Every structure is written in C-alpha cells, then in structure tokens.
C-alpha cells in the first residue's frame, strides 16, 4: 500500500481498487488496535511515572487536559465503530 491512494491508478481497474481498499482496511484495523490499546491503558492506570523526571506521576486527567495527547484524543474521537473495519 502506498502512502496515498491514487484514484487515477485504480480507475477502470477493480482488482487494483479492491486490493487498495483491503490494504486500507487492514491499516485502519491496525490504527484502531493502537488507539484501543492506549485507551485501555488510560482506563487501567492512573498516569505516567517519570514523565517530569522528578518522581511525580503525571495523571491521565492532566495529560488529557493538556496538549500532550491532543492527537490521540482526535484519533479516538474519529475512530469508527467495529463494523467499519
């Protein structure tokens, strides 16, 4: 799978289009699994030790409030239901 889907390459070639679609679905499943793993970690733990290098724990409440996990929050919000994959 390329980094970008070129629809012109797939035009008129349903076999190539289906191959690309299946690869994108597998990629989406991998990303979803990563998001789910981090979400589970957040639920099952209280934070991150050693982040500030002073022995204090950075709580998930604090980390999710700050910009540290902004991209993760966006990815979690954009995640589709399981039947999408």
C-alpha atoms as a PDB file:
ATOM      1  CA  UNK A   1       0.000   0.000   0.000  1.00  0.00           C
ATOM      2  CA  UNK A   2       1.314   3.415  -0.882  1.00  0.00           C
ATOM      3  CA  UNK A   3       1.137   6.312   1.481  1.00  0.00           C
ATOM      4  CA  UNK A   4      -1.607   7.872  -0.628  1.00  0.00           C
ATOM      5  CA  UNK A   5      -4.372   6.226  -2.575  1.00  0.00           C
ATOM      6  CA  UNK A   6      -4.195   7.429  -6.171  1.00  0.00           C
ATOM      7  CA  UNK A   7      -7.713   7.047  -7.508  1.00  0.00           C
ATOM      8  CA  UNK A   8      -6.457   7.580 -11.061  1.00  0.00           C
ATOM      9  CA  UNK A   9      -4.368   4.406 -10.755  1.00  0.00           C
ATOM     10  CA  UNK A  10      -7.471   2.473  -9.687  1.00  0.00           C
ATOM     11  CA  UNK A  11      -9.866   3.928 -12.270  1.00  0.00           C
ATOM     12  CA  UNK A  12     -11.081   1.141 -14.505  1.00  0.00           C
ATOM     13  CA  UNK A  13      -9.150  -1.475 -12.553  1.00  0.00           C
ATOM     14  CA  UNK A  14     -11.468  -3.010  -9.995  1.00  0.00           C
ATOM     15  CA  UNK A  15      -8.868  -5.597  -8.940  1.00  0.00           C
ATOM     16  CA  UNK A  16      -6.356  -2.886  -8.041  1.00  0.00           C
ATOM     17  CA  UNK A  17      -9.082  -0.822  -6.359  1.00  0.00           C
ATOM     18  CA  UNK A  18     -10.166  -3.807  -4.222  1.00  0.00           C
ATOM     19  CA  UNK A  19      -6.541  -4.558  -3.314  1.00  0.00           C
ATOM     20  CA  UNK A  20      -6.025  -0.949  -2.207  1.00  0.00           C
ATOM     21  CA  UNK A  21      -9.320  -0.973  -0.288  1.00  0.00           C
ATOM     22  CA  UNK A  22      -8.386  -4.178   1.555  1.00  0.00           C
ATOM     23  CA  UNK A  23      -4.955  -2.782   2.417  1.00  0.00           C
ATOM     24  CA  UNK A  24      -6.548   0.416   3.731  1.00  0.00           C
ATOM     25  CA  UNK A  25      -8.961  -1.640   5.850  1.00  0.00           C
ATOM     26  CA  UNK A  26      -6.054  -3.592   7.361  1.00  0.00           C
ATOM     27  CA  UNK A  27      -4.211  -0.345   8.036  1.00  0.00           C
ATOM     28  CA  UNK A  28      -7.334   1.098   9.703  1.00  0.00           C
ATOM     29  CA  UNK A  29      -7.646  -2.042  11.868  1.00  0.00           C
ATOM     30  CA  UNK A  30      -4.030  -1.624  12.987  1.00  0.00           C
ATOM     31  CA  UNK A  31      -4.593   2.034  13.875  1.00  0.00           C
ATOM     32  CA  UNK A  32      -7.808   1.182  15.738  1.00  0.00           C
ATOM     33  CA  UNK A  33      -5.998  -1.525  17.719  1.00  0.00           C
ATOM     34  CA  UNK A  34      -3.359   1.024  18.746  1.00  0.00           C
ATOM     35  CA  UNK A  35      -5.988   3.549  19.811  1.00  0.00           C
ATOM     36  CA  UNK A  36      -7.857   0.861  21.753  1.00  0.00           C
ATOM     37  CA  UNK A  37      -4.637  -0.250  23.489  1.00  0.00           C
ATOM     38  CA  UNK A  38      -3.834   3.275  24.679  1.00  0.00           C
ATOM     39  CA  UNK A  39      -7.466   3.823  25.747  1.00  0.00           C
ATOM     40  CA  UNK A  40      -7.317   0.620  27.806  1.00  0.00           C
ATOM     41  CA  UNK A  41      -4.024   1.698  29.366  1.00  0.00           C
ATOM     42  CA  UNK A  42      -5.573   5.028  30.371  1.00  0.00           C
ATOM     43  CA  UNK A  43      -8.558   3.298  31.983  1.00  0.00           C
ATOM     44  CA  UNK A  44      -6.419   0.724  33.811  1.00  0.00           C
ATOM     45  CA  UNK A  45      -3.745   3.048  35.184  1.00  0.00           C
ATOM     46  CA  UNK A  46      -3.565   6.367  36.957  1.00  0.00           C
ATOM     47  CA  UNK A  47      -0.932   8.102  34.851  1.00  0.00           C
ATOM     48  CA  UNK A  48       2.668   8.128  33.699  1.00  0.00           C
ATOM     49  CA  UNK A  49       5.569   7.934  36.132  1.00  0.00           C
ATOM     50  CA  UNK A  50       8.831   9.569  35.199  1.00  0.00           C
ATOM     51  CA  UNK A  51       7.402  11.953  32.634  1.00  0.00           C
ATOM     52  CA  UNK A  52       8.519  15.037  34.562  1.00  0.00           C
ATOM     53  CA  UNK A  53      11.774  13.361  35.655  1.00  0.00           C
ATOM     54  CA  UNK A  54      11.106  14.426  39.224  1.00  0.00           C
ATOM     55  CA  UNK A  55       9.456  11.270  40.537  1.00  0.00           C
ATOM     56  CA  UNK A  56       5.942  12.689  40.338  1.00  0.00           C
ATOM     57  CA  UNK A  57       3.240  10.930  38.390  1.00  0.00           C
ATOM     58  CA  UNK A  58       1.556  12.786  35.535  1.00  0.00           C
ATOM     59  CA  UNK A  59      -2.100  11.831  35.859  1.00  0.00           C
ATOM     60  CA  UNK A  60      -4.137  10.914  32.791  1.00  0.00           C
ATOM     61  CA  UNK A  61      -6.594  13.667  33.740  1.00  0.00           C
ATOM     62  CA  UNK A  62      -3.792  16.194  33.487  1.00  0.00           C
ATOM     63  CA  UNK A  63      -2.278  14.660  30.333  1.00  0.00           C
ATOM     64  CA  UNK A  64      -5.642  14.548  28.548  1.00  0.00           C
ATOM     65  CA  UNK A  65      -6.331  18.162  29.543  1.00  0.00           C
ATOM     66  CA  UNK A  66      -3.011  19.415  28.161  1.00  0.00           C
ATOM     67  CA  UNK A  67      -1.795  19.285  24.566  1.00  0.00           C
ATOM     68  CA  UNK A  68       0.360  16.193  25.214  1.00  0.00           C
ATOM     69  CA  UNK A  69      -2.312  13.807  23.925  1.00  0.00           C
ATOM     70  CA  UNK A  70      -4.225  16.138  21.611  1.00  0.00           C
ATOM     71  CA  UNK A  71      -3.618  13.974  18.516  1.00  0.00           C
ATOM     72  CA  UNK A  72      -4.614  10.841  20.433  1.00  0.00           C
ATOM     73  CA  UNK A  73      -7.872  12.469  21.534  1.00  0.00           C
ATOM     74  CA  UNK A  74      -8.620  13.430  17.914  1.00  0.00           C
ATOM     75  CA  UNK A  75      -7.869   9.883  16.749  1.00  0.00           C
ATOM     76  CA  UNK A  76     -10.076   8.402  19.456  1.00  0.00           C
ATOM     77  CA  UNK A  77     -12.943  10.714  18.506  1.00  0.00           C
ATOM     78  CA  UNK A  78     -12.548   9.882  14.804  1.00  0.00           C
ATOM     79  CA  UNK A  79     -12.478   6.125  15.401  1.00  0.00           C
ATOM     80  CA  UNK A  80     -15.288   4.314  13.611  1.00  0.00           C
ATOM     81  CA  UNK A  81     -17.482   1.521  15.006  1.00  0.00           C
ATOM     82  CA  UNK A  82     -16.084  -2.016  14.704  1.00  0.00           C
ATOM     83  CA  UNK A  83     -18.322  -2.924  11.769  1.00  0.00           C
ATOM     84  CA  UNK A  84     -16.473  -0.307   9.676  1.00  0.00           C
ATOM     85  CA  UNK A  85     -13.331  -2.443   9.721  1.00  0.00           C
END
